[in-house]
Amino acid sequence: MDLRVTIVQTELHWHDAAANRNMFADKLAAAAPETDLIVLPEMFSTGFSMDAPALAEQPEGDTLHWMREQAATYNAVVTGSIIVQENEQYFNRLYWVRPDGSYAQYNKRHLFRMAQEHHTYTPGSERLTVELKGWKICPLVCYDLRFPVWSRNNRDRYDLLLYVANWPKVRSLAWRTLLQARAIENIAYVVGVNRIGTDGNNHPYSGDSAIIHPKGHKLLETTEQESILTITLNKQEFLDFREAFPAHLDADEFELL
């Protein structure tokens, strides 16, 4: 079955979760997407911040409640990451929220040391694979993109690899290049959703959100502009290509410890 994916690329209100929730709700209402999956950026409620003590929500907090409302409204999964406090630790946590209100979660594994993220947040230890309309999907967060072993499609575990990000403009070439590399090496669709604008630390973001075909070409690519775009991914085309070019059968076996 084909999969409709909607990406939301926009500026974010710095450290203002309520304003960001209202902004995303308004933008989605205006676009009224008919879709199966809505993808928001990393830390979409606050911007990428190390001020976790002031910004963190509880696991069942306001933003998760809001995501449930949006998932029900559009009858689609809504995903993106926020700052969460749990057991006296802070996590950059991606939520995968279904229309029925149930959800899965993934804590960002690779913490961006150049911003001291590893001094504020606790890294995740387990990768997440979820299913949607017969698709196996692996959602990851920003800096995870630089680590091919963690992203590896070992033993054909997923069909689509997804990254939500606050990836600065100064490193946009790496973002664009690595998204294509992850698609090619894993023989999988790749979705990358980034933000635009300038954050409270004066870091500019160029967006460059994209959806990549398993062959490596771009099915969709944004510029440095606000974008809410929906594309349909073809499952049969993907299966035909993987059958015709089964490089994954020759991949090295390994286990993540």
Protein backbone atom coordinates (compact mmCIF):
# COMPACT_ATOMS: atom_id res chain seq x y z
CA MET A 1 0.00 0.00 0.00
CA ASP A 2 1.25 3.47 -0.83
CA LEU A 3 2.07 5.93 1.97
CA ARG A 4 1.21 9.62 2.01
CA VAL A 5 3.82 11.66 3.90
CA THR A 6 3.45 15.33 4.86
CA ILE A 7 6.51 17.35 5.87
CA VAL A 8 6.22 20.61 7.79
CA GLN A 9 9.16 23.00 7.43
CA THR A 10 8.80 26.32 9.26
CA GLU A 11 10.37 28.77 11.67
CA LEU A 12 9.94 28.13 15.39
CA HIS A 13 9.09 30.41 18.29
CA TRP A 14 12.06 30.36 20.65
CA HIS A 15 11.26 28.73 24.01
CA ASP A 16 7.49 29.12 23.60
CA ALA A 17 5.74 25.77 23.42
CA ALA A 18 2.21 27.17 23.44
CA ALA A 19 2.98 29.54 20.56
CA ASN A 20 4.54 26.72 18.53
CA ARG A 21 1.61 24.38 19.12
CA ASN A 22 -0.82 27.08 18.01
CA MET A 23 1.34 27.92 15.01
CA PHE A 24 1.55 24.31 13.82
CA ALA A 25 -2.19 23.81 14.40
CA ASP A 26 -2.99 26.87 12.28
CA LYS A 27 -0.63 25.85 9.49
CA LEU A 28 -1.99 22.31 9.35
CA ALA A 29 -5.57 23.58 9.38
CA ALA A 30 -4.81 25.92 6.47
CA ALA A 31 -3.11 23.14 4.49
CA ALA A 32 -5.70 20.50 5.49
CA PRO A 33 -3.51 17.62 4.35
CA GLU A 34 -5.00 14.28 3.38
CA THR A 35 -2.16 12.16 4.62
CA ASP A 36 -1.01 9.15 6.61
CA LEU A 37 2.00 10.70 8.34
CA ILE A 38 2.75 14.28 9.46
CA VAL A 39 6.43 14.96 10.23
CA LEU A 40 7.47 17.93 12.39
CA PRO A 41 11.06 19.04 13.15
CA GLU A 42 13.27 18.21 16.13
CA MET A 43 12.31 20.03 19.36
CA PHE A 44 9.43 21.56 17.43
CA SER A 45 7.84 23.05 20.54
CA THR A 46 10.88 25.06 21.70
CA GLY A 47 13.71 25.13 19.18
CA PHE A 48 16.96 23.26 19.83
CA SER A 49 17.81 24.34 23.37
CA MET A 50 19.96 23.24 26.28
CA ASP A 51 17.66 24.99 28.78
CA ALA A 52 15.96 21.72 29.62
CA PRO A 53 15.20 22.56 33.28
CA ALA A 54 13.01 25.47 32.17
CA LEU A 55 11.49 23.86 29.08
CA ALA A 56 11.05 20.13 29.74
CA GLU A 57 7.59 18.61 29.83
CA GLN A 58 6.47 15.53 31.65
CA PRO A 59 6.07 12.41 29.49
CA GLU A 60 2.28 12.89 29.36
CA GLY A 61 2.49 16.67 29.00
CA ASP A 62 0.73 19.36 26.99
CA THR A 63 2.59 18.76 23.74
CA LEU A 64 1.91 15.03 23.68
CA HIS A 65 -1.75 15.84 24.34
CA TRP A 66 -1.66 18.29 21.43
CA MET A 67 -0.07 15.68 19.14
CA ARG A 68 -2.88 13.28 20.01
CA GLU A 69 -5.44 15.93 19.06
CA GLN A 70 -3.75 16.58 15.72
CA ALA A 71 -3.40 12.86 14.97
CA ALA A 72 -7.11 12.37 15.60
CA THR A 73 -8.06 15.44 13.56
CA TYR A 74 -6.17 14.31 10.45
CA ASN A 75 -6.49 10.56 11.03
CA ALA A 76 -2.73 10.38 10.60
CA VAL A 77 0.36 9.63 12.64
CA VAL A 78 2.07 12.78 13.94
CA THR A 79 5.76 12.65 14.81
CA GLY A 80 8.49 15.03 15.98
CA SER A 81 10.72 15.46 19.03
CA ILE A 82 10.36 17.55 22.19
CA ILE A 83 12.18 18.03 25.51
CA VAL A 84 10.98 15.59 28.18
CA GLN A 85 11.90 15.09 31.83
CA GLU A 86 11.54 11.60 33.26
CA ASN A 87 13.10 10.03 36.37
CA GLU A 88 15.19 13.18 37.00
CA GLN A 89 16.72 12.93 33.50
CA TYR A 90 16.14 14.98 30.35
CA PHE A 91 15.57 13.43 26.94
CA ASN A 92 15.33 14.71 23.38
CA ARG A 93 12.36 12.44 22.77
CA LEU A 94 10.61 11.68 19.50
CA TYR A 95 6.96 10.73 19.83
CA TRP A 96 5.16 8.65 17.22
CA VAL A 97 1.50 9.43 17.92
CA ARG A 98 -1.30 7.47 16.28
CA PRO A 99 -4.87 8.63 15.56
CA ASP A 100 -6.25 6.41 18.34
CA GLY A 101 -4.06 8.20 20.90
CA SER A 102 -1.55 5.40 21.38
CA TYR A 103 2.10 6.23 20.83
CA ALA A 104 5.66 4.96 20.63
CA GLN A 105 8.78 6.89 21.58
CA TYR A 106 12.46 7.12 20.73
CA ASN A 107 15.11 8.96 22.75
CA LYS A 108 17.80 10.54 20.59
CA ARG A 109 20.86 8.30 20.69
CA HIS A 110 23.62 10.60 19.41
CA LEU A 111 23.78 13.87 21.34
CA PHE A 112 25.40 16.85 19.64
CA ARG A 113 28.49 17.48 21.75
CA MET A 114 29.43 20.66 19.88
CA ALA A 115 26.35 22.24 21.52
CA GLN A 116 26.99 20.39 24.82
CA GLU A 117 23.81 18.38 24.31
CA HIS A 118 25.51 15.39 25.94
CA HIS A 119 25.93 17.37 29.17
CA THR A 120 22.21 18.14 29.37
CA TYR A 121 20.38 15.14 27.95
CA THR A 122 20.54 11.39 28.48
CA PRO A 123 21.14 9.35 25.30
CA GLY A 124 18.70 6.70 24.19
CA SER A 125 19.75 3.07 24.09
CA GLU A 126 17.21 1.45 21.77
CA ARG A 127 16.26 2.08 18.17
CA LEU A 128 12.59 2.18 17.28
CA THR A 129 10.83 0.53 14.36
CA VAL A 130 7.12 1.19 13.87
CA GLU A 131 4.55 0.06 11.30
CA LEU A 132 2.11 2.18 9.33
CA LYS A 133 -0.10 0.88 6.51
CA GLY A 134 2.20 -2.08 5.99
CA TRP A 135 5.37 0.04 5.99
CA LYS A 136 8.19 -0.51 8.46
CA ILE A 137 9.57 2.87 9.53
CA CYS A 138 12.63 3.80 11.60
CA PRO A 139 12.42 7.34 13.05
CA LEU A 140 15.65 9.00 14.22
CA VAL A 141 16.73 12.48 15.32
CA CYS A 142 19.11 14.98 13.69
CA TYR A 143 22.73 14.12 14.69
CA ASP A 144 21.87 10.41 14.35
CA LEU A 145 22.16 11.04 10.61
CA ARG A 146 25.96 11.17 10.88
CA PHE A 147 26.20 7.63 12.26
CA PRO A 148 25.59 5.00 9.58
CA VAL A 149 25.91 2.00 11.91
CA TRP A 150 23.00 3.21 14.07
CA SER A 151 21.00 4.02 10.94
CA ARG A 152 21.87 0.76 9.16
CA ASN A 153 19.02 -1.28 7.71
CA ASN A 154 20.35 -4.48 9.21
CA ARG A 155 18.43 -7.58 8.05
CA ASP A 156 15.88 -5.56 6.09
CA ARG A 157 14.20 -4.14 9.21
CA TYR A 158 12.65 -1.03 7.65
CA ASP A 159 11.35 0.43 4.40
CA LEU A 160 11.58 4.10 5.35
CA LEU A 161 14.18 5.94 7.43
CA LEU A 162 13.05 9.22 8.93
CA TYR A 163 15.06 12.08 10.48
CA VAL A 164 13.62 15.10 12.30
CA ALA A 165 16.16 17.87 12.77
CA ASN A 166 17.33 21.33 13.75
CA TRP A 167 20.32 21.19 11.37
CA PRO A 168 22.09 24.58 11.00
CA LYS A 169 22.62 26.20 7.62
CA VAL A 170 26.41 26.19 8.02
CA ARG A 171 26.37 22.39 7.66
CA SER A 172 23.62 22.08 5.08
CA LEU A 173 25.87 20.31 2.57
CA ALA A 174 26.43 17.49 5.05
CA TRP A 175 22.68 17.24 5.68
CA ARG A 176 21.79 17.00 2.01
CA THR A 177 24.61 14.58 1.20
CA LEU A 178 24.03 12.23 4.12
CA LEU A 179 20.29 11.96 3.49
CA GLN A 180 21.06 10.66 0.01
CA ALA A 181 23.79 8.37 1.31
CA ARG A 182 21.49 6.79 3.91
CA ALA A 183 18.88 6.10 1.21
CA ILE A 184 21.37 4.52 -1.18
CA GLU A 185 23.24 2.36 1.31
CA ASN A 186 20.08 1.10 3.03
CA ILE A 187 17.92 0.69 -0.10
CA ALA A 188 15.13 2.57 1.62
CA TYR A 189 13.15 5.76 1.30
CA VAL A 190 14.53 8.55 3.48
CA VAL A 191 12.56 11.51 4.85
CA GLY A 192 14.44 14.44 6.42
CA VAL A 193 12.53 17.35 8.00
CA ASN A 194 14.42 20.43 9.17
CA ARG A 195 13.44 23.92 10.33
CA ILE A 196 14.12 27.36 8.87
CA GLY A 197 14.72 30.80 10.39
CA THR A 198 17.13 31.83 13.16
CA ASP A 199 17.00 30.51 16.72
CA GLY A 200 17.61 32.26 20.03
CA ASN A 201 21.32 31.47 19.82
CA ASN A 202 21.49 33.29 16.48
CA HIS A 203 22.01 30.07 14.48
CA PRO A 204 20.37 30.23 11.01
CA TYR A 205 18.67 27.21 9.44
CA SER A 206 18.14 26.67 5.73
CA GLY A 207 15.56 23.89 5.87
CA ASP A 208 16.52 21.68 2.94
CA SER A 209 13.90 19.15 4.00
CA ALA A 210 13.75 16.32 1.49
CA ILE A 211 12.36 12.94 0.60
CA ILE A 212 14.82 10.60 -1.10
CA HIS A 213 14.13 7.56 -3.28
CA PRO A 214 16.06 4.33 -2.50
CA LYS A 215 18.04 4.92 -5.70
CA GLY A 216 19.24 8.23 -4.23
CA HIS A 217 17.37 10.79 -6.31
CA LYS A 218 15.23 13.42 -4.62
CA LEU A 219 11.49 13.00 -4.90
CA LEU A 220 10.96 16.24 -3.02
CA GLU A 221 13.31 18.98 -1.85
CA THR A 222 12.49 22.29 -0.21
CA THR A 223 14.35 25.58 -0.27
CA GLU A 224 14.78 28.04 2.58
CA GLN A 225 11.06 28.74 2.70
CA GLU A 226 8.08 27.71 4.75
CA SER A 227 6.67 24.50 3.28
CA ILE A 228 3.89 22.03 4.04
CA LEU A 229 4.12 19.41 1.32
CA THR A 230 2.62 15.97 0.85
CA ILE A 231 3.99 13.22 -1.35
CA THR A 232 2.87 9.64 -1.96
CA LEU A 233 5.52 6.94 -1.68
CA ASN A 234 5.04 3.92 -3.90
CA LYS A 235 5.49 0.63 -2.05
CA GLN A 236 5.43 -1.62 -5.11
CA GLU A 237 8.11 0.42 -6.88
CA PHE A 238 10.25 0.12 -3.78
CA LEU A 239 9.74 -3.66 -3.56
CA ASP A 240 10.49 -4.10 -7.26
CA PHE A 241 13.74 -2.15 -6.96
CA ARG A 242 14.87 -4.07 -3.89
CA GLU A 243 14.14 -7.35 -5.69
CA ALA A 244 15.98 -6.25 -8.85
CA PHE A 245 18.96 -4.88 -6.90
CA PRO A 246 19.19 -6.93 -3.67
CA ALA A 247 22.44 -5.49 -2.35
CA HIS A 248 21.08 -5.83 1.19
CA LEU A 249 21.54 -9.61 0.88
CA ASP A 250 25.31 -9.08 0.78
CA ALA A 251 25.47 -6.74 3.77
CA ASP A 252 27.68 -7.63 6.74
CA GLU A 253 25.84 -9.16 9.68
CA PHE A 254 26.21 -7.40 13.03
CA GLU A 255 24.37 -6.65 16.25
CA LEU A 256 24.07 -3.26 17.94
CA LEU A 257 25.20 -3.52 21.55
